[in-house]
Amino acid sequence: MPKFVIEREIPGAGQMTPETLQAVSQKSCGVLKNMGPQIQWVQSYVTDNKIYCIYIAPDEATVREHASQGGFPANSVAQVRTVIDPTTAE
């Protein structure tokens, strides 16, 4: 199943309280549960003004539907084509 990186522009994301992040996570998980097992949230990285999310889904449309249902921005959705790390250099 394809993996996607989603860029969400959220001004002040890095200043969100743990309670706010928990509420956002709960909303996302609720939408995922309703959409079924074909889409999975792997993890997210919170920066100053953006959240970068990793999802596994059958296609970009499914990722965008999750964002729409959850009320989350999905400013950029990119399919991961391959993964490299330091061992790639060996």
C-alpha atoms as a PDB file:
ATOM      1  CA  MET A   1       0.000   0.000   0.000  1.00  0.00           C
ATOM      2  CA  PRO A   2       1.404   3.454  -0.866  1.00  0.00           C
ATOM      3  CA  LYS A   3       2.774   5.790   1.784  1.00  0.00           C
ATOM      4  CA  PHE A   4       2.161   9.554   1.685  1.00  0.00           C
ATOM      5  CA  VAL A   5       3.681  12.653   3.270  1.00  0.00           C
ATOM      6  CA  ILE A   6       1.089  15.346   3.989  1.00  0.00           C
ATOM      7  CA  GLU A   7       2.119  18.936   4.653  1.00  0.00           C
ATOM      8  CA  ARG A   8      -0.396  20.827   6.759  1.00  0.00           C
ATOM      9  CA  GLU A   9       0.150  24.583   7.102  1.00  0.00           C
ATOM     10  CA  ILE A  10      -1.055  25.458  10.594  1.00  0.00           C
ATOM     11  CA  PRO A  11       0.289  28.777  11.913  1.00  0.00           C
ATOM     12  CA  GLY A  12       1.479  28.341  15.483  1.00  0.00           C
ATOM     13  CA  ALA A  13       1.404  24.533  15.351  1.00  0.00           C
ATOM     14  CA  GLY A  14       4.564  24.348  17.436  1.00  0.00           C
ATOM     15  CA  GLN A  15       2.850  26.309  20.204  1.00  0.00           C
ATOM     16  CA  MET A  16      -0.132  23.951  20.499  1.00  0.00           C
ATOM     17  CA  THR A  17      -0.703  22.640  23.999  1.00  0.00           C
ATOM     18  CA  PRO A  18      -0.609  18.916  24.709  1.00  0.00           C
ATOM     19  CA  GLU A  19      -4.375  19.087  25.205  1.00  0.00           C
ATOM     20  CA  THR A  20      -4.891  20.656  21.774  1.00  0.00           C
ATOM     21  CA  LEU A  21      -2.645  18.083  20.116  1.00  0.00           C
ATOM     22  CA  GLN A  22      -4.572  15.333  21.890  1.00  0.00           C
ATOM     23  CA  ALA A  23      -7.891  16.751  20.640  1.00  0.00           C
ATOM     24  CA  VAL A  24      -6.582  16.971  17.067  1.00  0.00           C
ATOM     25  CA  SER A  25      -5.285  13.402  17.310  1.00  0.00           C
ATOM     26  CA  GLN A  26      -8.609  12.162  18.644  1.00  0.00           C
ATOM     27  CA  LYS A  27     -10.463  13.880  15.777  1.00  0.00           C
ATOM     28  CA  SER A  28      -8.117  12.302  13.231  1.00  0.00           C
ATOM     29  CA  CYS A  29      -8.490   8.838  14.765  1.00  0.00           C
ATOM     30  CA  GLY A  30     -12.273   9.177  14.762  1.00  0.00           C
ATOM     31  CA  VAL A  31     -12.305  10.004  11.058  1.00  0.00           C
ATOM     32  CA  LEU A  32      -9.906   7.123  10.340  1.00  0.00           C
ATOM     33  CA  LYS A  33     -12.151   4.701  12.224  1.00  0.00           C
ATOM     34  CA  ASN A  34     -15.157   5.792  10.152  1.00  0.00           C
ATOM     35  CA  MET A  35     -13.215   5.507   6.881  1.00  0.00           C
ATOM     36  CA  GLY A  36     -12.158   1.937   7.560  1.00  0.00           C
ATOM     37  CA  PRO A  37      -8.840   0.105   7.605  1.00  0.00           C
ATOM     38  CA  GLN A  38      -7.691   1.134   4.118  1.00  0.00           C
ATOM     39  CA  ILE A  39      -6.113   4.342   5.537  1.00  0.00           C
ATOM     40  CA  GLN A  40      -3.656   4.433   8.431  1.00  0.00           C
ATOM     41  CA  TRP A  41      -1.926   7.285  10.235  1.00  0.00           C
ATOM     42  CA  VAL A  42       1.707   6.358  10.931  1.00  0.00           C
ATOM     43  CA  GLN A  43       3.002   9.478  12.719  1.00  0.00           C
ATOM     44  CA  SER A  44       3.296  13.237  12.482  1.00  0.00           C
ATOM     45  CA  TYR A  45       6.015  15.822  13.016  1.00  0.00           C
ATOM     46  CA  VAL A  46       5.008  19.185  14.497  1.00  0.00           C
ATOM     47  CA  THR A  47       7.147  22.187  13.534  1.00  0.00           C
ATOM     48  CA  ASP A  48       6.650  25.897  14.200  1.00  0.00           C
ATOM     49  CA  ASN A  49       3.968  26.479  11.561  1.00  0.00           C
ATOM     50  CA  LYS A  50       3.363  23.116   9.915  1.00  0.00           C
ATOM     51  CA  ILE A  51       2.561  19.524  10.711  1.00  0.00           C
ATOM     52  CA  TYR A  52       4.014  16.833   8.460  1.00  0.00           C
ATOM     53  CA  CYS A  53       2.052  13.582   8.561  1.00  0.00           C
ATOM     54  CA  ILE A  54       2.878  10.110   7.292  1.00  0.00           C
ATOM     55  CA  TYR A  55      -0.101   8.048   6.122  1.00  0.00           C
ATOM     56  CA  ILE A  56      -0.582   4.717   4.398  1.00  0.00           C
ATOM     57  CA  ALA A  57      -3.505   4.794   1.977  1.00  0.00           C
ATOM     58  CA  PRO A  58      -4.574   3.366  -1.369  1.00  0.00           C
ATOM     59  CA  ASP A  59      -4.360   6.757  -3.112  1.00  0.00           C
ATOM     60  CA  GLU A  60      -4.093  10.526  -2.709  1.00  0.00           C
ATOM     61  CA  ALA A  61      -7.866  10.953  -2.935  1.00  0.00           C
ATOM     62  CA  THR A  62      -8.314   8.886   0.232  1.00  0.00           C
ATOM     63  CA  VAL A  63      -5.769  11.034   2.074  1.00  0.00           C
ATOM     64  CA  ARG A  64      -7.543  14.199   0.939  1.00  0.00           C
ATOM     65  CA  GLU A  65     -10.921  12.774   1.959  1.00  0.00           C
ATOM     66  CA  HIS A  66      -9.571  12.189   5.472  1.00  0.00           C
ATOM     67  CA  ALA A  67      -8.416  15.814   5.605  1.00  0.00           C
ATOM     68  CA  SER A  68     -11.773  17.045   4.346  1.00  0.00           C
ATOM     69  CA  GLN A  69     -13.782  14.999   6.836  1.00  0.00           C
ATOM     70  CA  GLY A  70     -11.525  16.034   9.708  1.00  0.00           C
ATOM     71  CA  GLY A  71     -11.363  19.685   8.767  1.00  0.00           C
ATOM     72  CA  PHE A  72      -7.572  19.516   8.481  1.00  0.00           C
ATOM     73  CA  PRO A  73      -5.566  21.353   5.816  1.00  0.00           C
ATOM     74  CA  ALA A  74      -3.704  19.193   3.305  1.00  0.00           C
ATOM     75  CA  ASN A  75      -1.637  21.801   1.506  1.00  0.00           C
ATOM     76  CA  SER A  76       0.576  19.193  -0.104  1.00  0.00           C
ATOM     77  CA  VAL A  77       0.160  15.440  -0.487  1.00  0.00           C
ATOM     78  CA  ALA A  78       3.117  13.549  -1.949  1.00  0.00           C
ATOM     79  CA  GLN A  79       3.465   9.826  -2.483  1.00  0.00           C
ATOM     80  CA  VAL A  80       6.671   8.343  -1.106  1.00  0.00           C
ATOM     81  CA  ARG A  81       8.459   6.600  -3.967  1.00  0.00           C
ATOM     82  CA  THR A  82      11.348   5.134  -1.981  1.00  0.00           C
ATOM     83  CA  VAL A  83      13.017   5.474   1.405  1.00  0.00           C
ATOM     84  CA  ILE A  84      16.707   6.099   1.917  1.00  0.00           C
ATOM     85  CA  ASP A  85      18.796   6.380   5.061  1.00  0.00           C
ATOM     86  CA  PRO A  86      22.490   6.295   5.990  1.00  0.00           C
ATOM     87  CA  THR A  87      22.677   2.582   5.144  1.00  0.00           C
ATOM     88  CA  THR A  88      21.827   3.468   1.527  1.00  0.00           C
ATOM     89  CA  ALA A  89      25.363   4.857   1.263  1.00  0.00           C
ATOM     90  CA  GLU A  90      26.930   1.511   2.113  1.00  0.00           C
END
